[in-house]
Amino acid sequence: MDIVEFVKSITIQVVIVAWALFFLSWVVGWALKGMPIPFTRVKKVGERILEDGVWAAFWLAVGSSVFALISYIASSLYQPLPPPPSV
């Protein structure tokens, strides 16, 4: 395994875990916000979790795009050298 493949695999694993955490916070936020209880404090916590989840998804998308761009540039620059010309 070369360094480019290693970085790609680590990046993919981190992004998958981050999207899973975003989805979990999204579900918990909507569950707290939509609970039929008269406690507004709990509903506001759910709303804050939703807002933080939206910001996290935005930054995760931006970060994933940056990592994909870096990976593309690194893989295009990391080409094996051609063999020397034979006479």
N, C-alpha and C. Protein backbone atom coordinates (compact mmCIF):
# COMPACT_ATOMS: atom_id res chain seq x y z
N MET A 1 0.86 -1.18 0.00
CA MET A 1 0.00 0.00 0.00
C MET A 1 0.90 1.23 0.00
N ASP A 2 0.70 2.07 -0.98
CA ASP A 2 1.50 3.30 -1.03
C ASP A 2 0.83 4.39 -0.21
N ILE A 3 1.51 5.50 -0.11
CA ILE A 3 1.05 6.59 0.76
C ILE A 3 -0.25 7.21 0.26
N VAL A 4 -0.45 7.27 -1.03
CA VAL A 4 -1.68 7.87 -1.58
C VAL A 4 -2.89 7.02 -1.21
N GLU A 5 -2.77 5.71 -1.38
CA GLU A 5 -3.88 4.82 -1.02
C GLU A 5 -4.15 4.85 0.48
N PHE A 6 -3.09 4.96 1.28
CA PHE A 6 -3.27 5.03 2.73
C PHE A 6 -4.03 6.29 3.13
N VAL A 7 -3.66 7.42 2.54
CA VAL A 7 -4.35 8.69 2.86
C VAL A 7 -5.80 8.63 2.39
N LYS A 8 -6.04 8.05 1.22
CA LYS A 8 -7.41 7.93 0.72
C LYS A 8 -8.26 7.07 1.65
N SER A 9 -7.71 5.94 2.10
CA SER A 9 -8.50 5.06 2.97
C SER A 9 -8.78 5.70 4.32
N ILE A 10 -7.81 6.39 4.88
CA ILE A 10 -8.03 7.09 6.16
C ILE A 10 -9.07 8.20 5.98
N THR A 11 -8.98 8.95 4.90
CA THR A 11 -9.93 10.02 4.64
C THR A 11 -11.34 9.48 4.50
N ILE A 12 -11.49 8.39 3.77
CA ILE A 12 -12.82 7.79 3.58
C ILE A 12 -13.39 7.32 4.91
N GLN A 13 -12.58 6.69 5.73
CA GLN A 13 -13.06 6.22 7.03
C GLN A 13 -13.48 7.36 7.93
N VAL A 14 -12.70 8.43 7.96
CA VAL A 14 -13.04 9.59 8.80
C VAL A 14 -14.32 10.25 8.30
N VAL A 15 -14.49 10.38 7.01
CA VAL A 15 -15.69 11.01 6.45
C VAL A 15 -16.93 10.15 6.73
N ILE A 16 -16.81 8.84 6.64
CA ILE A 16 -17.94 7.96 6.94
C ILE A 16 -18.36 8.10 8.40
N VAL A 17 -17.41 8.12 9.30
CA VAL A 17 -17.73 8.28 10.72
C VAL A 17 -18.37 9.64 10.98
N ALA A 18 -17.84 10.68 10.34
CA ALA A 18 -18.39 12.03 10.54
C ALA A 18 -19.82 12.13 10.02
N TRP A 19 -20.12 11.53 8.85
CA TRP A 19 -21.49 11.57 8.35
C TRP A 19 -22.42 10.76 9.24
N ALA A 20 -21.93 9.66 9.80
CA ALA A 20 -22.76 8.87 10.72
C ALA A 20 -23.09 9.67 11.98
N LEU A 21 -22.11 10.40 12.50
CA LEU A 21 -22.37 11.25 13.67
C LEU A 21 -23.33 12.39 13.33
N PHE A 22 -23.21 12.95 12.14
CA PHE A 22 -24.15 13.98 11.72
C PHE A 22 -25.57 13.42 11.67
N PHE A 23 -25.72 12.24 11.07
CA PHE A 23 -27.04 11.64 10.97
C PHE A 23 -27.62 11.35 12.35
N LEU A 24 -26.78 10.86 13.26
CA LEU A 24 -27.24 10.60 14.63
C LEU A 24 -27.69 11.89 15.31
N SER A 25 -26.92 12.95 15.17
CA SER A 25 -27.32 14.22 15.80
C SER A 25 -28.58 14.77 15.15
N TRP A 26 -28.74 14.57 13.86
CA TRP A 26 -29.95 15.03 13.16
C TRP A 26 -31.18 14.31 13.71
N VAL A 27 -31.08 13.00 13.89
CA VAL A 27 -32.21 12.22 14.39
C VAL A 27 -32.52 12.61 15.85
N VAL A 28 -31.49 12.74 16.67
CA VAL A 28 -31.71 13.11 18.07
C VAL A 28 -32.28 14.52 18.17
N GLY A 29 -31.79 15.43 17.35
CA GLY A 29 -32.30 16.81 17.37
C GLY A 29 -33.77 16.88 17.01
N TRP A 30 -34.16 16.17 15.94
CA TRP A 30 -35.58 16.19 15.55
C TRP A 30 -36.43 15.47 16.59
N ALA A 31 -35.89 14.42 17.21
CA ALA A 31 -36.65 13.71 18.23
C ALA A 31 -36.90 14.61 19.43
N LEU A 32 -35.89 15.36 19.84
CA LEU A 32 -36.07 16.26 20.99
C LEU A 32 -36.98 17.44 20.64
N LYS A 33 -36.81 17.96 19.43
CA LYS A 33 -37.62 19.11 19.04
C LYS A 33 -39.09 18.74 18.84
N GLY A 34 -39.34 17.53 18.38
CA GLY A 34 -40.71 17.13 18.08
C GLY A 34 -41.42 16.38 19.18
N MET A 35 -40.78 16.24 20.34
CA MET A 35 -41.43 15.51 21.43
C MET A 35 -42.65 16.27 21.94
N PRO A 36 -43.73 15.56 22.19
CA PRO A 36 -44.95 16.23 22.66
C PRO A 36 -44.94 16.46 24.18
N ILE A 37 -43.95 17.21 24.64
CA ILE A 37 -43.85 17.53 26.07
C ILE A 37 -43.86 19.05 26.20
N PRO A 38 -44.30 19.55 27.34
CA PRO A 38 -44.41 21.00 27.48
C PRO A 38 -43.11 21.70 27.90
N PHE A 39 -41.97 21.01 27.87
CA PHE A 39 -40.71 21.61 28.29
C PHE A 39 -40.04 22.30 27.10
N THR A 40 -40.06 23.62 27.10
CA THR A 40 -39.47 24.35 25.98
C THR A 40 -37.95 24.26 26.00
N ARG A 41 -37.38 24.07 27.16
CA ARG A 41 -35.93 23.97 27.24
C ARG A 41 -35.42 22.75 26.46
N VAL A 42 -36.14 21.65 26.57
CA VAL A 42 -35.76 20.43 25.84
C VAL A 42 -35.91 20.65 24.33
N LYS A 43 -36.97 21.33 23.94
CA LYS A 43 -37.18 21.61 22.52
C LYS A 43 -36.11 22.55 21.98
N LYS A 44 -35.66 23.50 22.77
CA LYS A 44 -34.60 24.41 22.34
C LYS A 44 -33.27 23.67 22.21
N VAL A 45 -33.03 22.70 23.08
CA VAL A 45 -31.82 21.88 22.96
C VAL A 45 -31.86 21.10 21.65
N GLY A 46 -33.02 20.54 21.32
CA GLY A 46 -33.17 19.84 20.05
C GLY A 46 -32.93 20.76 18.86
N GLU A 47 -33.42 21.99 18.97
CA GLU A 47 -33.21 22.95 17.88
C GLU A 47 -31.74 23.31 17.75
N ARG A 48 -31.04 23.46 18.87
CA ARG A 48 -29.60 23.75 18.82
C ARG A 48 -28.82 22.58 18.22
N ILE A 49 -29.22 21.37 18.56
CA ILE A 49 -28.55 20.20 17.99
C ILE A 49 -28.77 20.16 16.48
N LEU A 50 -29.97 20.47 16.03
CA LEU A 50 -30.25 20.52 14.59
C LEU A 50 -29.40 21.59 13.90
N GLU A 51 -29.33 22.76 14.50
CA GLU A 51 -28.53 23.83 13.90
C GLU A 51 -27.06 23.44 13.83
N ASP A 52 -26.54 22.85 14.90
CA ASP A 52 -25.16 22.40 14.89
C ASP A 52 -24.95 21.30 13.86
N GLY A 53 -25.95 20.45 13.68
CA GLY A 53 -25.85 19.39 12.68
C GLY A 53 -25.79 19.93 11.27
N VAL A 54 -26.56 20.98 11.00
CA VAL A 54 -26.53 21.60 9.67
C VAL A 54 -25.17 22.23 9.41
N TRP A 55 -24.63 22.93 10.40
CA TRP A 55 -23.30 23.51 10.23
C TRP A 55 -22.24 22.42 10.07
N ALA A 56 -22.38 21.35 10.83
CA ALA A 56 -21.43 20.24 10.70
C ALA A 56 -21.50 19.62 9.31
N ALA A 57 -22.70 19.46 8.77
CA ALA A 57 -22.84 18.89 7.43
C ALA A 57 -22.22 19.81 6.39
N PHE A 58 -22.41 21.11 6.55
CA PHE A 58 -21.80 22.07 5.62
C PHE A 58 -20.28 21.96 5.64
N TRP A 59 -19.69 22.01 6.84
CA TRP A 59 -18.23 21.96 6.93
C TRP A 59 -17.69 20.59 6.54
N LEU A 60 -18.47 19.56 6.79
CA LEU A 60 -18.06 18.22 6.36
C LEU A 60 -18.05 18.12 4.84
N ALA A 61 -19.03 18.71 4.18
CA ALA A 61 -19.05 18.71 2.72
C ALA A 61 -17.88 19.52 2.16
N VAL A 62 -17.60 20.67 2.77
CA VAL A 62 -16.47 21.48 2.32
C VAL A 62 -15.16 20.73 2.54
N GLY A 63 -15.01 20.15 3.72
CA GLY A 63 -13.78 19.41 4.02
C GLY A 63 -13.61 18.20 3.13
N SER A 64 -14.69 17.50 2.84
CA SER A 64 -14.61 16.35 1.94
C SER A 64 -14.19 16.78 0.54
N SER A 65 -14.70 17.91 0.11
CA SER A 65 -14.31 18.42 -1.21
C SER A 65 -12.83 18.79 -1.24
N VAL A 66 -12.36 19.42 -0.19
CA VAL A 66 -10.94 19.79 -0.13
C VAL A 66 -10.07 18.53 -0.10
N PHE A 67 -10.45 17.54 0.72
CA PHE A 67 -9.69 16.30 0.76
C PHE A 67 -9.70 15.59 -0.59
N ALA A 68 -10.83 15.59 -1.27
CA ALA A 68 -10.91 14.96 -2.59
C ALA A 68 -10.01 15.69 -3.58
N LEU A 69 -9.98 17.00 -3.52
CA LEU A 69 -9.11 17.77 -4.41
C LEU A 69 -7.64 17.49 -4.12
N ILE A 70 -7.27 17.45 -2.85
CA ILE A 70 -5.89 17.14 -2.48
C ILE A 70 -5.53 15.73 -2.93
N SER A 71 -6.43 14.80 -2.73
CA SER A 71 -6.18 13.42 -3.15
C SER A 71 -6.02 13.33 -4.66
N TYR A 72 -6.83 14.05 -5.41
CA TYR A 72 -6.73 14.06 -6.87
C TYR A 72 -5.39 14.64 -7.31
N ILE A 73 -5.00 15.75 -6.71
CA ILE A 73 -3.73 16.38 -7.07
C ILE A 73 -2.56 15.46 -6.72
N ALA A 74 -2.63 14.85 -5.53
CA ALA A 74 -1.55 13.96 -5.12
C ALA A 74 -1.46 12.73 -6.02
N SER A 75 -2.60 12.18 -6.41
CA SER A 75 -2.55 11.00 -7.27
C SER A 75 -2.10 11.36 -8.68
N SER A 76 -2.39 12.56 -9.15
CA SER A 76 -1.93 12.95 -10.48
C SER A 76 -0.44 13.28 -10.48
N LEU A 77 0.07 13.79 -9.37
CA LEU A 77 1.50 14.09 -9.28
C LEU A 77 2.33 12.85 -8.97
N TYR A 78 1.72 11.87 -8.35
CA TYR A 78 2.43 10.66 -7.94
C TYR A 78 2.34 9.62 -9.04
N GLN A 79 2.92 9.92 -10.17
CA GLN A 79 2.98 8.99 -11.28
C GLN A 79 4.38 8.42 -11.32
N PRO A 80 4.51 7.12 -11.62
CA PRO A 80 5.86 6.58 -11.74
C PRO A 80 6.59 7.20 -12.92
N LEU A 81 7.87 7.35 -12.74
CA LEU A 81 8.67 7.95 -13.80
C LEU A 81 8.74 6.99 -14.98
N PRO A 82 8.74 7.53 -16.18
CA PRO A 82 8.85 6.66 -17.35
C PRO A 82 10.25 6.06 -17.42
N PRO A 83 10.38 4.94 -18.07
CA PRO A 83 11.72 4.35 -18.17
C PRO A 83 12.61 5.23 -19.05
N PRO A 84 13.90 5.19 -18.78
CA PRO A 84 14.80 6.01 -19.60
C PRO A 84 14.83 5.51 -21.04
N PRO A 85 15.08 6.39 -21.96
CA PRO A 85 15.10 5.96 -23.36
C PRO A 85 16.27 5.02 -23.62
N SER A 86 16.01 4.02 -24.41
CA SER A 86 17.09 3.08 -24.76
C SER A 86 17.59 3.42 -26.15
N VAL A 87 18.84 3.34 -26.28
CA VAL A 87 19.45 3.70 -27.57
C VAL A 87 19.72 2.47 -28.40
